[in-house]
Amino acid sequence: MRGKYLISLIILCFILLMTQLCSAQDTISKMVKDVNIDCYQKAIEKAFLKLNRKYGIVSRGVYTVYDLVDTNNKMVFENDTLFLIDKHIYHVVSPWAYEKVSMIIVPYAGSIFSFVGLNCCKKTHCVEDVVHWVKNNIKDIDSVTLERIRNYQLFQLKIAMDSQGSIPRCEYRCIDNPSFKQHKRSHTKKPKVIYGKK
């Protein structure tokens, strides 16, 4: 008798768990229901390849994406599913050391904003540009996410062996000329819009 109750309890717990998972999935679907995911993906790929060309990199076209708001939401391996959620901050970067040019993207109000070349010797944007923009535009941003933005390089796949070298191509200028310094800006730079309205 006790065994029947135990089995019934296990089945009930399983049904409740599945209901919660489904409702969480529905919530995510609702968050992205107005977004044309294919258009987003194409815009990100195009911006990623353009960024690599800017730094003289012949890219293999492979990149990983890490959500800095929800660190469980990422696209690292082929079977991973990434949810593009409005007002989340994503670090887009190649897994190959030589090709590493960091790009941070933010889907926001139907557009995608991007900050590029953050890790490079000659930067287009710097981390403080991202922090400043996010604080001004995403009112409910928390201190944990801001800290992850500042430490964005912790969120990346690191392939130990790379036939082209272990130093990012876009950092060579600093290595060739250690006295080279990026001019300190007194203002922050706005992001580029890679999809949607400016």
Protein backbone atom coordinates (compact mmCIF):
# COMPACT_ATOMS: atom_id res chain seq x y z
CA MET A 1 0.00 0.00 0.00
CA ARG A 2 2.79 2.35 0.99
CA GLY A 3 4.54 1.56 -2.32
CA LYS A 4 1.46 2.70 -4.32
CA TYR A 5 1.37 6.04 -2.47
CA LEU A 6 5.10 6.51 -3.08
CA ILE A 7 4.71 5.85 -6.83
CA SER A 8 1.72 8.24 -6.98
CA LEU A 9 3.74 10.92 -5.18
CA ILE A 10 6.67 10.51 -7.58
CA ILE A 11 4.34 10.77 -10.60
CA LEU A 12 2.68 13.88 -9.12
CA CYS A 13 6.08 15.53 -8.48
CA PHE A 14 7.16 14.72 -12.05
CA ILE A 15 3.97 16.29 -13.50
CA LEU A 16 4.46 19.44 -11.38
CA LEU A 17 8.11 19.71 -12.44
CA MET A 18 7.21 19.31 -16.14
CA THR A 19 4.47 21.96 -15.78
CA GLN A 20 6.98 24.41 -14.30
CA LEU A 21 9.51 23.69 -17.05
CA CYS A 22 6.84 24.22 -19.71
CA SER A 23 5.71 27.49 -18.14
CA ALA A 24 9.33 28.69 -17.96
CA GLN A 25 9.73 27.77 -21.63
CA ASP A 26 6.50 29.65 -22.47
CA THR A 27 7.84 32.71 -20.65
CA ILE A 28 11.03 32.64 -22.71
CA SER A 29 9.00 32.14 -25.90
CA LYS A 30 6.85 35.16 -25.00
CA MET A 31 9.96 37.25 -24.46
CA VAL A 32 11.23 36.51 -27.95
CA LYS A 33 7.94 36.01 -29.84
CA ASP A 34 8.22 39.34 -31.71
CA VAL A 35 11.80 38.66 -32.77
CA ASN A 36 12.71 37.21 -36.15
CA ILE A 37 15.47 34.89 -34.92
CA ASP A 38 16.82 34.22 -38.44
CA CYS A 39 17.26 37.96 -39.05
CA TYR A 40 18.99 38.33 -35.68
CA GLN A 41 21.32 35.43 -36.43
CA LYS A 42 22.23 36.74 -39.89
CA ALA A 43 22.87 40.23 -38.48
CA ILE A 44 25.15 38.82 -35.75
CA GLU A 45 27.07 36.63 -38.22
CA LYS A 46 27.52 39.54 -40.64
CA ALA A 47 28.75 41.87 -37.86
CA PHE A 48 31.09 39.17 -36.53
CA LEU A 49 32.72 38.54 -39.94
CA LYS A 50 32.98 42.29 -40.64
CA LEU A 51 34.68 42.80 -37.27
CA ASN A 52 37.21 40.06 -38.03
CA ARG A 53 38.02 41.61 -41.43
CA LYS A 54 38.61 44.97 -39.74
CA TYR A 55 41.45 43.41 -37.74
CA GLY A 56 42.87 41.49 -40.72
CA ILE A 57 41.58 38.10 -39.61
CA VAL A 58 40.47 35.47 -42.09
CA SER A 59 37.78 34.00 -39.85
CA ARG A 60 36.69 30.37 -39.77
CA GLY A 61 33.20 31.78 -39.12
CA VAL A 62 32.83 29.94 -35.82
CA TYR A 63 31.74 31.89 -32.77
CA THR A 64 30.37 31.26 -29.30
CA VAL A 65 27.74 33.33 -27.47
CA TYR A 66 27.44 33.76 -23.70
CA ASP A 67 24.52 35.47 -21.95
CA LEU A 68 25.95 37.65 -19.17
CA VAL A 69 22.55 38.00 -17.48
CA ASP A 70 21.70 34.28 -17.41
CA THR A 71 24.97 32.34 -17.63
CA ASN A 72 23.14 29.04 -18.31
CA ASN A 73 21.93 30.53 -21.62
CA LYS A 74 24.81 30.08 -24.04
CA MET A 75 25.76 28.72 -27.45
CA VAL A 76 29.08 26.96 -27.22
CA PHE A 77 28.55 23.58 -28.86
CA GLU A 78 26.59 22.60 -31.96
CA ASN A 79 23.59 21.19 -30.09
CA ASP A 80 23.24 24.19 -27.73
CA THR A 81 20.12 26.37 -27.96
CA LEU A 82 20.53 30.06 -27.30
CA PHE A 83 17.60 32.29 -26.36
CA LEU A 84 17.96 35.89 -27.53
CA ILE A 85 16.14 37.82 -24.85
CA ASP A 86 15.42 41.53 -24.89
CA LYS A 87 17.72 43.54 -22.58
CA HIS A 88 20.12 40.64 -22.03
CA ILE A 89 23.81 41.22 -22.69
CA TYR A 90 25.74 38.68 -24.79
CA HIS A 91 29.47 38.16 -25.32
CA VAL A 92 30.14 36.95 -28.88
CA VAL A 93 33.66 35.66 -29.55
CA SER A 94 35.51 33.02 -31.56
CA PRO A 95 36.76 29.97 -29.63
CA TRP A 96 40.07 30.17 -31.56
CA ALA A 97 42.71 32.23 -29.75
CA TYR A 98 44.12 33.88 -32.89
CA GLU A 99 40.66 35.07 -34.00
CA LYS A 100 39.47 36.43 -30.64
CA VAL A 101 37.84 39.81 -31.20
CA SER A 102 35.23 40.40 -28.53
CA MET A 103 31.82 41.76 -29.44
CA ILE A 104 29.08 42.48 -26.93
CA ILE A 105 25.53 42.61 -28.27
CA VAL A 106 22.30 43.74 -26.62
CA PRO A 107 18.87 42.98 -28.14
CA TYR A 108 16.80 46.01 -27.13
CA ALA A 109 13.38 47.21 -28.29
CA GLY A 110 13.50 45.28 -31.58
CA SER A 111 17.08 46.26 -32.45
CA ILE A 112 20.50 44.75 -31.76
CA PHE A 113 23.16 47.09 -30.41
CA SER A 114 26.82 46.07 -30.58
CA PHE A 115 30.07 47.07 -28.92
CA VAL A 116 33.12 45.74 -30.76
CA GLY A 117 36.84 45.14 -30.42
CA LEU A 118 36.78 45.39 -26.63
CA ASN A 119 39.81 43.15 -26.11
CA CYS A 120 41.88 44.64 -28.93
CA CYS A 121 44.88 46.93 -28.87
CA LYS A 122 43.13 49.49 -31.06
CA LYS A 123 39.62 49.37 -29.64
CA THR A 124 36.41 50.58 -31.27
CA HIS A 125 34.61 50.35 -27.92
CA CYS A 126 35.80 49.76 -24.37
CA VAL A 127 34.10 48.04 -21.44
CA GLU A 128 33.08 51.35 -19.87
CA ASP A 129 31.13 52.19 -23.06
CA VAL A 130 29.04 49.06 -22.48
CA VAL A 131 28.56 49.70 -18.76
CA HIS A 132 27.57 53.35 -19.33
CA TRP A 133 25.04 52.50 -22.08
CA VAL A 134 23.53 49.58 -20.16
CA LYS A 135 23.11 51.62 -16.97
CA ASN A 136 21.37 54.41 -18.91
CA ASN A 137 19.08 52.17 -20.96
CA ILE A 138 18.32 49.09 -18.86
CA LYS A 139 16.94 50.43 -15.61
CA ASP A 140 16.62 47.11 -13.75
CA ILE A 141 20.20 45.97 -14.40
CA ASP A 142 21.82 44.46 -11.32
CA SER A 143 25.35 44.80 -9.95
CA VAL A 144 26.14 41.11 -10.65
CA THR A 145 25.50 41.58 -14.38
CA LEU A 146 27.54 44.81 -14.44
CA GLU A 147 30.42 42.90 -12.84
CA ARG A 148 30.09 40.16 -15.50
CA ILE A 149 30.24 42.82 -18.22
CA ARG A 150 33.45 44.19 -16.71
CA ASN A 151 34.84 40.62 -16.62
CA TYR A 152 33.39 39.56 -20.00
CA GLN A 153 36.58 37.71 -20.96
CA LEU A 154 35.86 35.07 -18.31
CA PHE A 155 32.88 34.01 -20.45
CA GLN A 156 34.48 32.35 -23.44
CA LEU A 157 35.63 28.96 -24.68
CA LYS A 158 39.40 28.64 -24.66
CA ILE A 159 40.87 26.18 -27.14
CA ALA A 160 44.40 25.48 -25.91
CA MET A 161 45.91 24.55 -29.28
CA ASP A 162 45.47 26.90 -32.21
CA SER A 163 47.54 26.37 -35.36
CA GLN A 164 47.67 30.13 -35.99
CA GLY A 165 48.94 31.05 -32.52
CA SER A 166 47.74 31.68 -28.99
CA ILE A 167 47.80 35.51 -29.13
CA PRO A 168 44.76 37.28 -30.59
CA ARG A 169 45.61 38.87 -33.95
CA CYS A 170 44.02 42.14 -32.88
CA GLU A 171 46.47 42.47 -29.97
CA TYR A 172 49.63 42.28 -32.11
CA ARG A 173 50.06 46.04 -32.31
CA CYS A 174 50.56 46.24 -28.54
CA ILE A 175 53.06 43.35 -28.63
CA ASP A 176 55.05 44.80 -31.56
CA ASN A 177 55.08 48.24 -29.94
CA PRO A 178 54.76 48.05 -26.12
CA SER A 179 54.79 51.86 -25.90
CA PHE A 180 51.57 52.02 -27.94
CA LYS A 181 48.72 53.25 -25.77
CA GLN A 182 45.10 53.79 -26.58
CA HIS A 183 44.21 57.46 -26.22
CA LYS A 184 42.15 57.95 -23.08
CA ARG A 185 38.71 59.23 -24.04
CA SER A 186 36.87 61.76 -21.91
CA HIS A 187 33.52 60.54 -23.27
CA THR A 188 31.84 57.20 -23.88
CA LYS A 189 31.10 55.87 -27.33
CA LYS A 190 27.62 54.81 -28.43
CA PRO A 191 27.02 51.27 -29.72
CA LYS A 192 26.51 50.41 -33.37
CA VAL A 193 23.11 49.16 -34.47
CA ILE A 194 23.57 45.93 -36.42
CA TYR A 195 19.85 45.18 -36.75
CA GLY A 196 16.69 47.28 -36.50
CA LYS A 197 16.15 50.98 -35.96
CA LYS A 198 18.98 53.30 -34.96
